[in-house]
Amino acid sequence: MVSPSAFVRTLIVAALAAVLAFAPAQAQQVVTITTTTVTWTYDDAGVEDGVADSDEDVIDEGAALLDDEALAEDADFAATRRYAPAATLATLGHAKARFGPFSVIDGATVRMAGDVTSATPRQFAAMLAAYPGLKRLEMLDCPGSLDEEANLILARAIRRAGLETVVPAGGSIRSGAVELWLAGVTRRAAPDAEFGVHSWADEYGREANDYPANDPVHAEYLGYYREMGLNDAKAREFYALTNSTPFDDVRYLTRDDMARFVTLN
């Protein structure tokens, strides 16, 4: 006869044996999951010192000018100057106010030095609003445009404002800046002024001569030259001359060269 205590021990041993026999099967179903937490941090460019910039249309002239200079350093769009700026350019007076590449000298005169960017037409408009009596735009050292659409908008604004455009002694204008000079209601240039021209290039690197002669892309430029007073023959001749030099190069024209196409005062 089995004692109660022995019977209990037998049941316990049997239960433990059953658990041990079943444990490996259960252990095979255990899956270990490792979780990695990544924390992202960022700065909101539109917030400074906890205050959101809600006036996006206000032109920060100083910041815009710095941004333009940074773009000019990073982009190799502008033709380099053939010679150093004349010493007289450094002594032409101090600006009363600056609007991007424009420096207002007095109530009638504004000087330009630098590239045209997408911000330049708005800077020009702000300048005219502040100084409505401006009559003369002196172009000292203008490499061209980083935004061709903005350049043509600015050129037409110069014409509407009735400004005279001048390249003074030692002055140099290149690329799209030549279109700006053409926009003057009257145009003047010193004997040693230089005009650098070359072909335009689109965002794919294709230049004017890569397009068929009858492509509508040419009409915009030819139409602009006619709008600025060149007859059809002169517009086509000047357009062909500029496009005969590749975009990565520059051809320098003199005051007398430009006088073949437009009247100088």
C-alpha atoms as a PDB file:
ATOM      1  CA  MET A   1       0.000   0.000   0.000  1.00  0.00           C
ATOM      2  CA  VAL A   2       1.361   3.402  -1.013  1.00  0.00           C
ATOM      3  CA  SER A   3       1.429   6.061   1.670  1.00  0.00           C
ATOM      4  CA  PRO A   4      -0.310   9.398   0.945  1.00  0.00           C
ATOM      5  CA  SER A   5       2.982  11.300   1.095  1.00  0.00           C
ATOM      6  CA  ALA A   6       4.641   8.930  -1.400  1.00  0.00           C
ATOM      7  CA  PHE A   7       1.659   9.256  -3.716  1.00  0.00           C
ATOM      8  CA  VAL A   8       1.883  13.059  -3.596  1.00  0.00           C
ATOM      9  CA  ARG A   9       5.592  12.923  -4.388  1.00  0.00           C
ATOM     10  CA  THR A  10       4.870  10.657  -7.329  1.00  0.00           C
ATOM     11  CA  LEU A  11       2.305  13.101  -8.707  1.00  0.00           C
ATOM     12  CA  ILE A  12       4.746  16.030  -8.332  1.00  0.00           C
ATOM     13  CA  VAL A  13       7.527  14.117 -10.136  1.00  0.00           C
ATOM     14  CA  ALA A  14       5.131  13.161 -12.919  1.00  0.00           C
ATOM     15  CA  ALA A  15       3.974  16.769 -13.310  1.00  0.00           C
ATOM     16  CA  LEU A  16       7.542  18.045 -13.456  1.00  0.00           C
ATOM     17  CA  ALA A  17       8.421  15.464 -16.061  1.00  0.00           C
ATOM     18  CA  ALA A  18       5.485  16.517 -18.188  1.00  0.00           C
ATOM     19  CA  VAL A  19       6.504  20.186 -17.955  1.00  0.00           C
ATOM     20  CA  LEU A  20      10.104  19.427 -18.910  1.00  0.00           C
ATOM     21  CA  ALA A  21       8.966  17.336 -21.840  1.00  0.00           C
ATOM     22  CA  PHE A  22       6.730  20.137 -23.121  1.00  0.00           C
ATOM     23  CA  ALA A  23       9.188  23.058 -22.531  1.00  0.00           C
ATOM     24  CA  PRO A  24      11.454  22.598 -25.640  1.00  0.00           C
ATOM     25  CA  ALA A  25       8.470  22.752 -27.956  1.00  0.00           C
ATOM     26  CA  GLN A  26       7.342  26.016 -26.367  1.00  0.00           C
ATOM     27  CA  ALA A  27      10.867  27.442 -26.355  1.00  0.00           C
ATOM     28  CA  GLN A  28      11.079  27.054 -30.141  1.00  0.00           C
ATOM     29  CA  GLN A  29       8.298  29.633 -30.528  1.00  0.00           C
ATOM     30  CA  VAL A  30      10.049  32.394 -28.563  1.00  0.00           C
ATOM     31  CA  VAL A  31      11.000  35.395 -30.794  1.00  0.00           C
ATOM     32  CA  THR A  32      13.335  38.181 -29.680  1.00  0.00           C
ATOM     33  CA  ILE A  33      12.500  41.667 -31.094  1.00  0.00           C
ATOM     34  CA  THR A  34      14.977  44.510 -30.880  1.00  0.00           C
ATOM     35  CA  THR A  35      13.539  48.019 -31.252  1.00  0.00           C
ATOM     36  CA  THR A  36      15.664  51.025 -32.180  1.00  0.00           C
ATOM     37  CA  THR A  37      14.311  54.507 -31.516  1.00  0.00           C
ATOM     38  CA  VAL A  38      15.595  57.370 -33.685  1.00  0.00           C
ATOM     39  CA  THR A  39      15.001  60.958 -32.649  1.00  0.00           C
ATOM     40  CA  TRP A  40      14.935  63.624 -35.392  1.00  0.00           C
ATOM     41  CA  THR A  41      15.664  67.273 -34.648  1.00  0.00           C
ATOM     42  CA  TYR A  42      15.534  70.207 -37.055  1.00  0.00           C
ATOM     43  CA  ASP A  43      15.636  73.984 -37.147  1.00  0.00           C
ATOM     44  CA  ASP A  44      12.663  75.870 -38.547  1.00  0.00           C
ATOM     45  CA  ALA A  45      14.151  78.396 -40.987  1.00  0.00           C
ATOM     46  CA  GLY A  46      11.005  80.473 -40.761  1.00  0.00           C
ATOM     47  CA  VAL A  47      11.282  80.974 -37.016  1.00  0.00           C
ATOM     48  CA  GLU A  48      13.901  83.066 -35.272  1.00  0.00           C
ATOM     49  CA  ASP A  49      13.984  83.388 -31.504  1.00  0.00           C
ATOM     50  CA  GLY A  50      10.536  81.814 -31.388  1.00  0.00           C
ATOM     51  CA  VAL A  51       8.938  84.388 -33.700  1.00  0.00           C
ATOM     52  CA  ALA A  52       7.638  83.226 -37.058  1.00  0.00           C
ATOM     53  CA  ASP A  53       8.452  85.260 -40.149  1.00  0.00           C
ATOM     54  CA  SER A  54       4.978  86.103 -41.370  1.00  0.00           C
ATOM     55  CA  ASP A  55       5.887  88.837 -43.871  1.00  0.00           C
ATOM     56  CA  GLU A  56       7.385  86.955 -46.805  1.00  0.00           C
ATOM     57  CA  ASP A  57       6.986  89.867 -49.227  1.00  0.00           C
ATOM     58  CA  VAL A  58       9.290  92.267 -47.363  1.00  0.00           C
ATOM     59  CA  ILE A  59      12.629  92.668 -49.138  1.00  0.00           C
ATOM     60  CA  ASP A  60      15.585  92.386 -46.805  1.00  0.00           C
ATOM     61  CA  GLU A  61      18.009  94.340 -48.966  1.00  0.00           C
ATOM     62  CA  GLY A  62      21.121  93.436 -47.002  1.00  0.00           C
ATOM     63  CA  ALA A  63      20.295  89.728 -46.858  1.00  0.00           C
ATOM     64  CA  ALA A  64      19.353  89.664 -50.524  1.00  0.00           C
ATOM     65  CA  LEU A  65      22.669  91.200 -51.495  1.00  0.00           C
ATOM     66  CA  LEU A  66      24.607  88.700 -49.405  1.00  0.00           C
ATOM     67  CA  ASP A  67      22.652  85.834 -50.949  1.00  0.00           C
ATOM     68  CA  ASP A  68      23.377  87.166 -54.418  1.00  0.00           C
ATOM     69  CA  GLU A  69      27.092  87.309 -53.679  1.00  0.00           C
ATOM     70  CA  ALA A  70      27.047  83.754 -52.379  1.00  0.00           C
ATOM     71  CA  LEU A  71      25.288  82.584 -55.523  1.00  0.00           C
ATOM     72  CA  ALA A  72      27.804  84.382 -57.688  1.00  0.00           C
ATOM     73  CA  GLU A  73      30.666  82.623 -55.884  1.00  0.00           C
ATOM     74  CA  ASP A  74      29.086  79.183 -56.315  1.00  0.00           C
ATOM     75  CA  ALA A  75      27.906  79.580 -59.899  1.00  0.00           C
ATOM     76  CA  ASP A  76      30.256  80.057 -62.840  1.00  0.00           C
ATOM     77  CA  PHE A  77      27.715  81.893 -64.986  1.00  0.00           C
ATOM     78  CA  ALA A  78      29.305  85.325 -65.113  1.00  0.00           C
ATOM     79  CA  ALA A  79      32.025  86.189 -67.572  1.00  0.00           C
ATOM     80  CA  THR A  80      35.218  87.409 -65.985  1.00  0.00           C
ATOM     81  CA  ARG A  81      36.436  90.942 -66.512  1.00  0.00           C
ATOM     82  CA  ARG A  82      39.054  91.496 -69.159  1.00  0.00           C
ATOM     83  CA  TYR A  83      40.879  94.062 -67.091  1.00  0.00           C
ATOM     84  CA  ALA A  84      40.856  95.357 -63.531  1.00  0.00           C
ATOM     85  CA  PRO A  85      38.262  98.002 -62.641  1.00  0.00           C
ATOM     86  CA  ALA A  86      39.477 101.520 -63.283  1.00  0.00           C
ATOM     87  CA  ALA A  87      40.741 103.315 -60.173  1.00  0.00           C
ATOM     88  CA  THR A  88      38.091 105.990 -60.703  1.00  0.00           C
ATOM     89  CA  LEU A  89      35.319 103.471 -60.077  1.00  0.00           C
ATOM     90  CA  ALA A  90      36.315 103.312 -56.419  1.00  0.00           C
ATOM     91  CA  THR A  91      35.949 107.063 -55.999  1.00  0.00           C
ATOM     92  CA  LEU A  92      32.552 107.661 -57.562  1.00  0.00           C
ATOM     93  CA  GLY A  93      30.828 108.584 -54.306  1.00  0.00           C
ATOM     94  CA  HIS A  94      29.076 106.948 -51.391  1.00  0.00           C
ATOM     95  CA  ALA A  95      25.595 105.491 -51.649  1.00  0.00           C
ATOM     96  CA  LYS A  96      22.628 107.055 -49.886  1.00  0.00           C
ATOM     97  CA  ALA A  97      20.818 103.710 -49.994  1.00  0.00           C
ATOM     98  CA  ARG A  98      21.332 100.222 -51.373  1.00  0.00           C
ATOM     99  CA  PHE A  99      18.810  97.898 -52.984  1.00  0.00           C
ATOM    100  CA  GLY A 100      20.483  94.628 -53.966  1.00  0.00           C
ATOM    101  CA  PRO A 101      22.976  95.491 -56.748  1.00  0.00           C
ATOM    102  CA  PHE A 102      21.731  99.104 -56.910  1.00  0.00           C
ATOM    103  CA  SER A 103      23.307 102.002 -55.023  1.00  0.00           C
ATOM    104  CA  VAL A 104      21.455 105.311 -54.988  1.00  0.00           C
ATOM    105  CA  ILE A 105      23.995 108.137 -55.221  1.00  0.00           C
ATOM    106  CA  ASP A 106      21.670 111.129 -55.363  1.00  0.00           C
ATOM    107  CA  GLY A 107      18.114 111.972 -56.318  1.00  0.00           C
ATOM    108  CA  ALA A 108      18.794 111.373 -60.021  1.00  0.00           C
ATOM    109  CA  THR A 109      21.552 108.742 -60.181  1.00  0.00           C
ATOM    110  CA  VAL A 110      21.713 105.070 -59.279  1.00  0.00           C
ATOM    111  CA  ARG A 111      24.698 102.822 -59.874  1.00  0.00           C
ATOM    112  CA  MET A 112      24.627  99.100 -60.489  1.00  0.00           C
ATOM    113  CA  ALA A 113      27.303  96.501 -59.717  1.00  0.00           C
ATOM    114  CA  GLY A 114      26.592  92.791 -59.435  1.00  0.00           C
ATOM    115  CA  ASP A 115      24.411  90.032 -60.817  1.00  0.00           C
ATOM    116  CA  VAL A 116      20.682  89.983 -61.471  1.00  0.00           C
ATOM    117  CA  THR A 117      18.802  87.346 -59.458  1.00  0.00           C
ATOM    118  CA  SER A 118      15.139  86.525 -58.978  1.00  0.00           C
ATOM    119  CA  ALA A 119      15.011  89.196 -56.248  1.00  0.00           C
ATOM    120  CA  THR A 120      16.421  92.036 -58.348  1.00  0.00           C
ATOM    121  CA  PRO A 121      13.184  93.214 -60.044  1.00  0.00           C
ATOM    122  CA  ARG A 122      11.537  93.594 -56.614  1.00  0.00           C
ATOM    123  CA  GLN A 123      14.578  95.455 -55.308  1.00  0.00           C
ATOM    124  CA  PHE A 124      14.421  97.762 -58.325  1.00  0.00           C
ATOM    125  CA  ALA A 125      10.711  98.425 -57.722  1.00  0.00           C
ATOM    126  CA  ALA A 126      11.362  99.194 -54.049  1.00  0.00           C
ATOM    127  CA  MET A 127      14.122 101.595 -55.037  1.00  0.00           C
ATOM    128  CA  LEU A 128      11.880 103.475 -57.476  1.00  0.00           C
ATOM    129  CA  ALA A 129       9.171 103.728 -54.843  1.00  0.00           C
ATOM    130  CA  ALA A 130      11.662 105.282 -52.417  1.00  0.00           C
ATOM    131  CA  TYR A 131      13.408 107.458 -55.030  1.00  0.00           C
ATOM    132  CA  PRO A 132      10.921 108.253 -57.799  1.00  0.00           C
ATOM    133  CA  GLY A 133      13.127 111.009 -59.260  1.00  0.00           C
ATOM    134  CA  LEU A 134      15.859 108.667 -60.544  1.00  0.00           C
ATOM    135  CA  LYS A 135      16.847 109.406 -64.136  1.00  0.00           C
ATOM    136  CA  ARG A 136      20.157 107.675 -64.794  1.00  0.00           C
ATOM    137  CA  LEU A 137      21.434 104.109 -64.290  1.00  0.00           C
ATOM    138  CA  GLU A 138      25.231 103.861 -64.313  1.00  0.00           C
ATOM    139  CA  MET A 139      26.416 100.292 -64.845  1.00  0.00           C
ATOM    140  CA  LEU A 140      29.856  99.862 -63.312  1.00  0.00           C
ATOM    141  CA  ASP A 141      30.628  96.158 -63.175  1.00  0.00           C
ATOM    142  CA  CYS A 142      27.713  93.902 -64.109  1.00  0.00           C
ATOM    143  CA  PRO A 143      28.551  90.237 -64.829  1.00  0.00           C
ATOM    144  CA  GLY A 144      25.065  89.297 -66.024  1.00  0.00           C
ATOM    145  CA  SER A 145      22.108  87.322 -64.791  1.00  0.00           C
ATOM    146  CA  LEU A 146      21.515  84.257 -62.659  1.00  0.00           C
ATOM    147  CA  ASP A 147      17.834  84.331 -63.671  1.00  0.00           C
ATOM    148  CA  GLU A 148      17.097  85.153 -67.319  1.00  0.00           C
ATOM    149  CA  GLU A 149      13.373  85.653 -66.795  1.00  0.00           C
ATOM    150  CA  ALA A 150      14.037  88.129 -63.993  1.00  0.00           C
ATOM    151  CA  ASN A 151      16.582  89.873 -66.205  1.00  0.00           C
ATOM    152  CA  LEU A 152      14.045  90.580 -68.947  1.00  0.00           C
ATOM    153  CA  ILE A 153      11.473  91.705 -66.379  1.00  0.00           C
ATOM    154  CA  LEU A 154      14.043  94.130 -64.975  1.00  0.00           C
ATOM    155  CA  ALA A 155      14.998  95.359 -68.449  1.00  0.00           C
ATOM    156  CA  ARG A 156      11.405  96.256 -69.292  1.00  0.00           C
ATOM    157  CA  ALA A 157      11.034  97.945 -65.907  1.00  0.00           C
ATOM    158  CA  ILE A 158      14.082 100.098 -66.708  1.00  0.00           C
ATOM    159  CA  ARG A 159      12.465 101.120 -69.995  1.00  0.00           C
ATOM    160  CA  ARG A 160       9.116 101.919 -68.343  1.00  0.00           C
ATOM    161  CA  ALA A 161      10.903 104.036 -65.734  1.00  0.00           C
ATOM    162  CA  GLY A 162      12.424 106.131 -68.521  1.00  0.00           C
ATOM    163  CA  LEU A 163      15.991 105.710 -67.263  1.00  0.00           C
ATOM    164  CA  GLU A 164      19.098 106.550 -69.218  1.00  0.00           C
ATOM    165  CA  THR A 165      21.680 103.724 -69.127  1.00  0.00           C
ATOM    166  CA  VAL A 166      25.388 104.556 -68.941  1.00  0.00           C
ATOM    167  CA  VAL A 167      28.569 102.493 -68.918  1.00  0.00           C
ATOM    168  CA  PRO A 168      31.162 104.910 -67.459  1.00  0.00           C
ATOM    169  CA  ALA A 169      34.903 104.972 -68.013  1.00  0.00           C
ATOM    170  CA  GLY A 170      36.364 101.632 -66.967  1.00  0.00           C
ATOM    171  CA  GLY A 171      32.902 100.072 -66.778  1.00  0.00           C
ATOM    172  CA  SER A 172      32.173  96.520 -67.846  1.00  0.00           C
ATOM    173  CA  ILE A 173      28.859  94.826 -68.564  1.00  0.00           C
ATOM    174  CA  ARG A 174      28.550  91.226 -69.709  1.00  0.00           C
ATOM    175  CA  SER A 175      25.979  88.665 -70.726  1.00  0.00           C
ATOM    176  CA  GLY A 176      22.440  89.605 -69.613  1.00  0.00           C
ATOM    177  CA  ALA A 177      23.627  93.013 -68.395  1.00  0.00           C
ATOM    178  CA  VAL A 178      23.972  94.039 -72.034  1.00  0.00           C
ATOM    179  CA  GLU A 179      20.204  93.546 -72.399  1.00  0.00           C
ATOM    180  CA  LEU A 180      19.739  95.858 -69.420  1.00  0.00           C
ATOM    181  CA  TRP A 181      21.865  98.551 -71.045  1.00  0.00           C
ATOM    182  CA  LEU A 182      19.829  98.263 -74.239  1.00  0.00           C
ATOM    183  CA  ALA A 183      16.698  99.029 -72.185  1.00  0.00           C
ATOM    184  CA  GLY A 184      17.709 102.634 -71.582  1.00  0.00           C
ATOM    185  CA  VAL A 185      15.523 105.253 -73.267  1.00  0.00           C
ATOM    186  CA  THR A 186      18.867 106.828 -74.114  1.00  0.00           C
ATOM    187  CA  ARG A 187      22.205 105.033 -73.939  1.00  0.00           C
ATOM    188  CA  ARG A 188      25.704 106.266 -73.336  1.00  0.00           C
ATOM    189  CA  ALA A 189      29.084 104.573 -72.976  1.00  0.00           C
ATOM    190  CA  ALA A 190      32.635 105.744 -72.366  1.00  0.00           C
ATOM    191  CA  PRO A 191      35.220 105.072 -75.095  1.00  0.00           C
ATOM    192  CA  ASP A 192      36.805 102.295 -73.014  1.00  0.00           C
ATOM    193  CA  ALA A 193      33.532 100.681 -71.894  1.00  0.00           C
ATOM    194  CA  GLU A 194      33.315  96.972 -72.604  1.00  0.00           C
ATOM    195  CA  PHE A 195      30.354  94.816 -73.547  1.00  0.00           C
ATOM    196  CA  GLY A 196      30.779  91.048 -73.124  1.00  0.00           C
ATOM    197  CA  VAL A 197      28.380  88.820 -75.086  1.00  0.00           C
ATOM    198  CA  HIS A 198      27.873  85.113 -75.539  1.00  0.00           C
ATOM    199  CA  SER A 199      25.157  82.591 -76.312  1.00  0.00           C
ATOM    200  CA  TRP A 200      22.422  81.790 -73.837  1.00  0.00           C
ATOM    201  CA  ALA A 201      22.042  78.230 -72.535  1.00  0.00           C
ATOM    202  CA  ASP A 202      18.960  76.502 -71.170  1.00  0.00           C
ATOM    203  CA  GLU A 203      18.699  74.324 -68.059  1.00  0.00           C
ATOM    204  CA  TYR A 204      19.766  71.284 -70.093  1.00  0.00           C
ATOM    205  CA  GLY A 205      22.938  72.926 -71.372  1.00  0.00           C
ATOM    206  CA  ARG A 206      21.588  73.452 -74.882  1.00  0.00           C
ATOM    207  CA  GLU A 207      22.644  76.704 -76.485  1.00  0.00           C
ATOM    208  CA  ALA A 208      20.889  78.929 -79.021  1.00  0.00           C
ATOM    209  CA  ASN A 209      22.521  77.273 -82.031  1.00  0.00           C
ATOM    210  CA  ASP A 210      21.395  73.839 -80.822  1.00  0.00           C
ATOM    211  CA  TYR A 211      17.833  74.840 -81.697  1.00  0.00           C
ATOM    212  CA  PRO A 212      16.487  75.088 -85.265  1.00  0.00           C
ATOM    213  CA  ALA A 213      16.433  78.594 -86.697  1.00  0.00           C
ATOM    214  CA  ASN A 214      12.627  78.551 -86.796  1.00  0.00           C
ATOM    215  CA  ASP A 215      12.216  77.401 -83.183  1.00  0.00           C
ATOM    216  CA  PRO A 216       9.910  79.714 -81.175  1.00  0.00           C
ATOM    217  CA  VAL A 217      12.583  79.977 -78.454  1.00  0.00           C
ATOM    218  CA  HIS A 218      14.393  82.595 -80.563  1.00  0.00           C
ATOM    219  CA  ALA A 219      11.336  84.827 -80.838  1.00  0.00           C
ATOM    220  CA  GLU A 220      11.586  85.986 -77.220  1.00  0.00           C
ATOM    221  CA  TYR A 221      15.025  87.516 -77.719  1.00  0.00           C
ATOM    222  CA  LEU A 222      14.377  88.899 -81.195  1.00  0.00           C
ATOM    223  CA  GLY A 223      11.134  90.403 -79.957  1.00  0.00           C
ATOM    224  CA  TYR A 224      12.935  92.004 -77.027  1.00  0.00           C
ATOM    225  CA  TYR A 225      15.566  93.620 -79.262  1.00  0.00           C
ATOM    226  CA  ARG A 226      12.857  95.024 -81.538  1.00  0.00           C
ATOM    227  CA  GLU A 227      11.002  96.270 -78.469  1.00  0.00           C
ATOM    228  CA  MET A 228      14.150  98.166 -77.458  1.00  0.00           C
ATOM    229  CA  GLY A 229      14.343  99.923 -80.809  1.00  0.00           C
ATOM    230  CA  LEU A 230      16.410  97.684 -83.095  1.00  0.00           C
ATOM    231  CA  ASN A 231      14.870  97.089 -86.500  1.00  0.00           C
ATOM    232  CA  ASP A 232      14.344  93.494 -87.585  1.00  0.00           C
ATOM    233  CA  ALA A 233      17.613  93.258 -89.528  1.00  0.00           C
ATOM    234  CA  LYS A 234      19.693  94.719 -86.687  1.00  0.00           C
ATOM    235  CA  ALA A 235      17.917  92.539 -84.122  1.00  0.00           C
ATOM    236  CA  ARG A 236      18.743  89.392 -86.078  1.00  0.00           C
ATOM    237  CA  GLU A 237      22.327  90.518 -86.703  1.00  0.00           C
ATOM    238  CA  PHE A 238      22.969  91.276 -83.041  1.00  0.00           C
ATOM    239  CA  TYR A 239      21.306  88.034 -81.916  1.00  0.00           C
ATOM    240  CA  ALA A 240      23.476  86.031 -84.336  1.00  0.00           C
ATOM    241  CA  LEU A 241      26.585  87.859 -83.135  1.00  0.00           C
ATOM    242  CA  THR A 242      25.942  87.030 -79.483  1.00  0.00           C
ATOM    243  CA  ASN A 243      25.191  83.385 -80.265  1.00  0.00           C
ATOM    244  CA  SER A 244      28.385  82.957 -82.301  1.00  0.00           C
ATOM    245  CA  THR A 245      30.297  82.745 -79.010  1.00  0.00           C
ATOM    246  CA  PRO A 246      29.671  79.682 -76.796  1.00  0.00           C
ATOM    247  CA  PHE A 247      28.056  80.143 -73.402  1.00  0.00           C
ATOM    248  CA  ASP A 248      31.272  79.205 -71.571  1.00  0.00           C
ATOM    249  CA  ASP A 249      33.222  81.897 -73.404  1.00  0.00           C
ATOM    250  CA  VAL A 250      32.778  85.646 -73.903  1.00  0.00           C
ATOM    251  CA  ARG A 251      33.299  88.015 -76.808  1.00  0.00           C
ATOM    252  CA  TYR A 252      34.074  91.604 -75.907  1.00  0.00           C
ATOM    253  CA  LEU A 253      32.594  94.423 -77.947  1.00  0.00           C
ATOM    254  CA  THR A 254      33.532  98.080 -77.844  1.00  0.00           C
ATOM    255  CA  ARG A 255      31.429 101.202 -77.754  1.00  0.00           C
ATOM    256  CA  ASP A 256      31.847 101.524 -81.523  1.00  0.00           C
ATOM    257  CA  ASP A 257      30.724  97.918 -82.016  1.00  0.00           C
ATOM    258  CA  MET A 258      27.504  98.604 -80.126  1.00  0.00           C
ATOM    259  CA  ALA A 259      26.945 101.798 -82.117  1.00  0.00           C
ATOM    260  CA  ARG A 260      26.457  99.606 -85.191  1.00  0.00           C
ATOM    261  CA  PHE A 261      23.210  98.339 -83.681  1.00  0.00           C
ATOM    262  CA  VAL A 262      21.771 101.155 -81.556  1.00  0.00           C
ATOM    263  CA  THR A 263      22.042 104.920 -81.288  1.00  0.00           C
ATOM    264  CA  LEU A 264      24.293 106.160 -78.505  1.00  0.00           C
ATOM    265  CA  ASN A 265      23.938 109.643 -77.029  1.00  0.00           C
END
